Protein backbone atom coordinates (compact mmCIF):
# COMPACT_ATOMS: atom_id res chain seq x y z
CA UNK A 1 -0.01 0.02 0.00
CA UNK A 2 2.80 2.36 0.88
CA UNK A 3 4.50 1.50 -2.42
CA UNK A 4 1.38 2.51 -4.36
CA UNK A 5 1.05 5.81 -2.53
CA UNK A 6 4.76 6.54 -3.21
CA UNK A 7 4.34 5.87 -6.93
CA UNK A 8 1.31 8.17 -7.15
CA UNK A 9 3.27 10.93 -5.38
CA UNK A 10 6.16 10.60 -7.85
CA UNK A 11 3.73 10.81 -10.82
CA UNK A 12 2.08 13.92 -9.44
CA UNK A 13 5.49 15.50 -8.92
CA UNK A 14 6.46 14.87 -12.53
CA UNK A 15 3.17 16.27 -13.86
CA UNK A 16 3.46 19.37 -11.66
CA UNK A 17 7.05 19.97 -12.99
CA UNK A 18 5.86 19.81 -16.60
CA UNK A 19 3.01 22.20 -15.81
CA UNK A 20 5.50 24.60 -14.24
CA UNK A 21 7.66 24.55 -17.39
CA UNK A 22 4.61 25.17 -19.55
CA UNK A 23 3.55 28.03 -17.27
CA UNK A 24 7.00 29.60 -17.55
CA UNK A 25 6.94 29.36 -21.35
CA UNK A 26 3.44 30.85 -21.38
CA UNK A 27 4.61 33.70 -19.19
CA UNK A 28 7.56 34.37 -21.52
CA UNK A 29 5.30 34.42 -24.57
CA UNK A 30 2.83 36.76 -22.82
CA UNK A 31 5.71 39.12 -21.86
CA UNK A 32 6.92 39.22 -25.49
CA UNK A 33 3.40 39.96 -26.70
CA UNK A 34 3.14 42.71 -24.13
CA UNK A 35 6.36 44.27 -25.34
CA UNK A 36 5.23 44.13 -28.99
CA UNK A 37 1.88 45.63 -28.05
CA UNK A 38 3.54 48.41 -26.13
CA UNK A 39 5.91 49.33 -29.00
CA UNK A 40 3.23 51.04 -31.17
CA UNK A 41 1.93 52.88 -28.12
CA UNK A 42 5.42 54.11 -27.34
CA UNK A 43 5.94 55.19 -30.96
CA UNK A 44 2.60 57.05 -30.90
CA UNK A 45 3.61 58.74 -27.68
CA UNK A 46 6.93 59.75 -29.18
CA UNK A 47 5.18 61.03 -32.33
CA UNK A 48 2.87 63.14 -30.22
CA UNK A 49 5.86 65.06 -28.88
CA UNK A 50 6.06 67.26 -31.99
CA UNK A 51 5.38 70.82 -33.06
CA UNK A 52 1.65 70.54 -32.29
CA UNK A 53 2.44 69.21 -28.80
CA UNK A 54 4.88 72.05 -28.22
CA UNK A 55 2.37 74.65 -29.32
CA UNK A 56 -0.26 73.12 -27.10
CA UNK A 57 2.05 73.19 -24.06
CA UNK A 58 3.33 76.76 -24.62
CA UNK A 59 1.72 79.88 -23.22
CA UNK A 60 0.27 82.91 -25.06
CA UNK A 61 3.68 84.38 -25.91
CA UNK A 62 4.96 81.09 -27.32
CA UNK A 63 1.83 80.60 -29.45
CA UNK A 64 2.04 84.22 -30.67
CA UNK A 65 5.63 83.68 -31.79
CA UNK A 66 4.67 80.49 -33.56
CA UNK A 67 1.82 82.22 -35.45
CA UNK A 68 4.13 85.16 -36.27
CA UNK A 69 6.70 82.81 -37.80
CA UNK A 70 4.04 81.02 -39.81
CA UNK A 71 2.76 84.37 -41.15
CA UNK A 72 6.31 85.41 -42.07
CA UNK A 73 6.82 82.16 -43.91
CA UNK A 74 3.54 82.54 -45.85
CA UNK A 75 4.41 86.14 -46.81
CA UNK A 76 7.93 85.24 -48.00
CA UNK A 77 6.77 82.25 -50.07
CA UNK A 78 4.00 84.36 -51.62
CA UNK A 79 6.53 87.02 -52.66
CA UNK A 80 9.01 84.45 -53.94
CA UNK A 81 6.44 82.71 -56.14
CA UNK A 82 4.78 85.96 -57.33
CA UNK A 83 8.07 87.69 -58.20
CA UNK A 84 9.41 84.58 -59.93
CA UNK A 85 6.30 84.43 -62.13
CA UNK A 86 6.56 88.19 -62.79
CA UNK A 87 10.20 87.97 -63.83
CA UNK A 88 9.54 85.11 -66.20
CA UNK A 89 6.65 86.98 -67.83
CA UNK A 90 8.66 90.22 -68.14
CA UNK A 91 11.68 88.41 -69.61
CA UNK A 92 9.53 86.78 -72.29
CA UNK A 93 7.76 90.02 -73.24
CA UNK A 94 11.00 92.01 -73.20
CA UNK A 95 12.70 89.66 -75.65
CA UNK A 96 9.72 89.87 -77.96
CA UNK A 97 9.57 93.65 -77.84
CA UNK A 98 13.31 94.13 -78.39
CA UNK A 99 13.20 91.85 -81.44
CA UNK A 100 10.25 93.83 -82.84
CA UNK A 101 11.82 97.21 -81.96
CA UNK A 102 15.12 96.75 -83.80
CA UNK A 103 13.36 95.07 -86.68
CA UNK A 104 10.99 98.00 -87.21
CA UNK A 105 11.52 100.32 -90.11
CA UNK A 106 10.58 103.54 -88.30
CA UNK A 107 9.61 105.00 -85.00
CA UNK A 108 6.05 105.28 -86.24
CA UNK A 109 5.91 101.52 -86.62
CA UNK A 110 7.27 101.12 -83.06
CA UNK A 111 4.60 103.54 -81.77
CA UNK A 112 1.88 101.56 -83.59
CA UNK A 113 3.11 98.32 -82.08
CA UNK A 114 3.10 99.83 -78.59
CA UNK A 115 -0.36 101.30 -79.13
CA UNK A 116 -1.67 97.97 -80.40
CA UNK A 117 -0.15 95.67 -77.78
CA UNK A 118 0.46 98.15 -74.92
CA UNK A 119 3.56 98.90 -72.87
CA UNK A 120 3.41 95.77 -70.71
CA UNK A 121 7.11 95.57 -69.76
CA UNK A 122 9.92 98.05 -68.92
CA UNK A 123 11.52 98.21 -72.39
CA UNK A 124 8.27 99.13 -74.12
CA UNK A 125 7.43 101.56 -71.30
CA UNK A 126 10.80 103.23 -71.68
CA UNK A 127 10.60 103.45 -75.51
CA UNK A 128 7.08 104.85 -75.39
CA UNK A 129 7.90 107.66 -73.01
CA UNK A 130 11.20 108.50 -74.70
CA UNK A 131 9.66 108.69 -78.17
CA UNK A 132 6.80 110.77 -76.88
CA UNK A 133 9.13 113.13 -75.03
CA UNK A 134 11.33 113.62 -78.13
CA UNK A 135 8.38 114.39 -80.39
CA UNK A 136 6.65 116.61 -77.82
CA UNK A 137 9.71 118.73 -77.15
CA UNK A 138 10.60 118.99 -80.86
CA UNK A 139 7.08 120.14 -81.66
CA UNK A 140 6.15 122.40 -78.75
CA UNK A 141 9.47 123.27 -77.11
CA UNK A 142 9.80 124.08 -73.40
CA UNK A 143 6.30 124.95 -72.29
CA UNK A 144 6.90 124.10 -68.66
CA UNK A 145 9.87 124.19 -66.29
CA UNK A 146 10.30 120.43 -66.38
CA UNK A 147 10.64 120.69 -70.20
CA UNK A 148 13.35 123.34 -70.09
CA UNK A 149 16.62 122.81 -71.91
CA UNK A 150 17.39 121.06 -75.17
CA UNK A 151 15.53 118.09 -76.62
CA UNK A 152 18.39 115.77 -75.60
CA UNK A 153 18.26 117.03 -71.98
CA UNK A 154 14.47 116.57 -71.80
CA UNK A 155 14.66 113.06 -73.24
CA UNK A 156 17.40 112.23 -70.76
CA UNK A 157 15.32 113.32 -67.83
CA UNK A 158 12.35 111.36 -69.12
CA UNK A 159 14.42 108.22 -69.47
CA UNK A 160 15.91 108.59 -66.03
CA UNK A 161 12.43 108.98 -64.54
CA UNK A 162 11.14 105.85 -66.27
CA UNK A 163 14.19 103.85 -65.21
CA UNK A 164 13.71 104.93 -61.59
CA UNK A 165 10.03 103.92 -61.76
CA UNK A 166 10.90 100.51 -63.21
CA UNK A 167 13.66 99.99 -60.62
CA UNK A 168 11.27 100.73 -57.79
CA UNK A 169 8.71 98.34 -59.32
CA UNK A 170 11.23 95.51 -59.68
CA UNK A 171 12.49 95.95 -56.13
CA UNK A 172 8.97 95.94 -54.66
CA UNK A 173 8.74 93.25 -51.98
CA UNK A 174 12.46 92.79 -51.51
CA UNK A 175 12.37 94.71 -48.27
CA UNK A 176 9.91 92.15 -46.86
CA UNK A 177 12.15 89.25 -47.87
CA UNK A 178 15.20 90.94 -46.32
CA UNK A 179 13.32 91.66 -43.11
CA UNK A 180 12.06 88.07 -42.85
CA UNK A 181 15.49 86.63 -43.56
CA UNK A 182 17.18 88.80 -40.96
CA UNK A 183 14.61 88.61 -38.12
CA UNK A 184 13.13 85.12 -38.36
CA UNK A 185 16.16 83.32 -36.69
CA UNK A 186 16.04 85.74 -33.75
CA UNK A 187 12.27 85.31 -33.34
CA UNK A 188 12.79 81.56 -33.27
CA UNK A 189 15.65 81.95 -30.79
CA UNK A 190 13.52 84.08 -28.52
CA UNK A 191 10.82 81.38 -28.66
CA UNK A 192 13.41 78.75 -27.73
CA UNK A 193 14.63 80.76 -24.75
CA UNK A 194 11.09 81.35 -23.60
CA UNK A 195 10.23 77.66 -23.92
CA UNK A 196 13.40 76.54 -22.08
CA UNK A 197 12.62 78.99 -19.28
CA UNK A 198 9.15 77.51 -18.74
CA UNK A 199 10.51 74.00 -19.09
CA UNK A 200 13.08 74.61 -16.32
CA UNK A 201 10.34 76.11 -14.12
CA UNK A 202 8.20 73.01 -14.54
CA UNK A 203 11.24 70.73 -13.87
CA UNK A 204 12.09 72.68 -10.75
CA UNK A 205 8.57 72.28 -9.40
CA UNK A 206 8.56 68.53 -10.02
CA UNK A 207 9.37 66.03 -7.23
CA UNK A 208 12.23 64.24 -9.02
CA UNK A 209 14.50 65.20 -11.91
CA UNK A 210 15.22 62.55 -14.58
CA UNK A 211 16.59 62.67 -18.12
CA UNK A 212 13.09 62.17 -19.47
CA UNK A 213 11.79 65.24 -17.68
CA UNK A 214 14.64 67.36 -19.04
CA UNK A 215 14.95 66.07 -22.62
CA UNK A 216 11.28 66.35 -23.54
CA UNK A 217 10.55 70.02 -22.67
CA UNK A 218 13.98 71.28 -23.84
CA UNK A 219 13.65 69.39 -27.13
CA UNK A 220 10.23 70.85 -27.71
CA UNK A 221 11.58 74.35 -27.04
CA UNK A 222 14.31 73.84 -29.66
CA UNK A 223 11.54 73.42 -32.28
CA UNK A 224 11.20 77.20 -32.43
CA UNK A 225 14.85 77.62 -33.45
CA UNK A 226 14.42 75.11 -36.27
CA UNK A 227 11.22 76.85 -37.35
CA UNK A 228 12.96 80.23 -37.41
CA UNK A 229 15.70 78.84 -39.62
CA UNK A 230 13.15 77.19 -41.92
CA UNK A 231 11.47 80.53 -42.37
CA UNK A 232 14.66 82.60 -42.82
CA UNK A 233 16.62 80.43 -45.29
CA UNK A 234 14.14 80.56 -48.22
CA UNK A 235 13.69 84.30 -47.68
CA UNK A 236 17.44 85.00 -47.82
CA UNK A 237 17.96 82.79 -50.87
CA UNK A 238 15.02 84.41 -52.63
CA UNK A 239 16.24 87.92 -51.79
CA UNK A 240 19.73 87.24 -53.12
CA UNK A 241 18.40 85.66 -56.29
CA UNK A 242 16.05 88.55 -57.06
CA UNK A 243 18.73 91.16 -56.34
CA UNK A 244 20.97 89.44 -58.86
CA UNK A 245 18.17 89.17 -61.47
CA UNK A 246 17.24 92.83 -61.01
CA UNK A 247 20.83 93.94 -61.36
CA UNK A 248 21.28 92.12 -64.65
CA UNK A 249 17.90 93.26 -65.97
CA UNK A 250 18.51 96.90 -65.06
CA UNK A 251 21.93 96.77 -66.73
CA UNK A 252 20.23 95.64 -69.94
CA UNK A 253 17.60 98.34 -69.54
CA UNK A 254 20.32 100.95 -69.09
CA UNK A 255 22.12 99.75 -72.20
CA UNK A 256 18.90 99.91 -74.19
CA UNK A 257 18.24 103.42 -72.85
CA UNK A 258 21.63 104.50 -74.10
CA UNK A 259 20.97 103.08 -77.54
CA UNK A 260 17.50 104.54 -77.63
CA UNK A 261 18.79 107.97 -76.56
CA UNK A 262 21.45 107.95 -79.29
CA UNK A 263 18.92 106.79 -81.86
CA UNK A 264 16.44 109.53 -80.95
CA UNK A 265 19.05 112.28 -80.97
CA UNK A 266 21.09 111.25 -84.01
CA UNK A 267 18.79 108.94 -85.94
CA UNK A 268 21.36 106.12 -85.92
CA UNK A 269 21.68 103.03 -83.82
CA UNK A 270 24.78 102.81 -81.62
CA UNK A 271 27.41 100.45 -83.03
CA UNK A 272 28.73 97.98 -80.44
CA UNK A 273 32.35 98.58 -81.33
CA UNK A 274 31.85 102.34 -81.22
CA UNK A 275 30.11 102.03 -77.83
CA UNK A 276 32.99 100.01 -76.44
CA UNK A 277 35.54 102.45 -77.86
CA UNK A 278 33.96 105.63 -76.61
CA UNK A 279 32.30 104.30 -73.52
CA UNK A 280 28.84 105.34 -72.32
CA UNK A 281 27.93 108.87 -73.37
CA UNK A 282 25.33 109.35 -70.64
CA UNK A 283 24.50 107.82 -67.30
CA UNK A 284 20.79 107.07 -67.42
CA UNK A 285 20.37 104.78 -64.42
CA UNK A 286 21.40 105.56 -60.91
CA UNK A 287 24.24 103.53 -59.47
CA UNK A 288 22.96 100.85 -57.11
CA UNK A 289 24.85 98.55 -54.84
CA UNK A 290 24.51 94.84 -54.55
């Protein structure tokens, strides 16, 4: 009888050991599943610590700086796209007008072309005013103080006025791009300093200080610096590109003004070799820096 009871006890012990191993394996599998299930949640939590989270955690000043940077970015990109389209359109129309101007047989034909198609770009605008000034002064003389002097002097003043108007028109909006490019990094830096200040205050009021408590708020505050650079860099590049384009375009306009002035006063087109040999006879455009 005792032998039977001992055999039953040994069998139960073996079964309980197998069940324990199975339980341990089950626990290991459950732990792995728990880790896999927690990974997407951790990723989602990390993804929530972005710009939207930073804006939500900031105060009125932080949100105001963020909105201000967004408005600066929208204004700069609008000017960049609008001025790029305008320059492409003006370049195409200018090439077409210059080809028609020097292929015309007389000034009357040029005037008819301008009257038909309109002065839609700086070269046509300049030619229209210069031709009108030359004919008006030759026919009526100096009726007003602004028309005093010779025909050449009056045409010169008219050309200078038109070039100044076209220069101001081409440079319209560049001040905004320069202001955005120079101030956006400092606005972002101020937002970073303000965010770090509030982050340190919240860390100081907490019970314990860990790396998680420090890295999160400070990293969120640094978003403002990155946003400021993202706003400033396109504005600076756009400003430099448009300044270069304007400089080249105004140089071409000044050269055309010199040829037009010589043609109106002498009736002959300026020869390139003669122009290089004698140099410019008249300064029609004001000197502008880079």
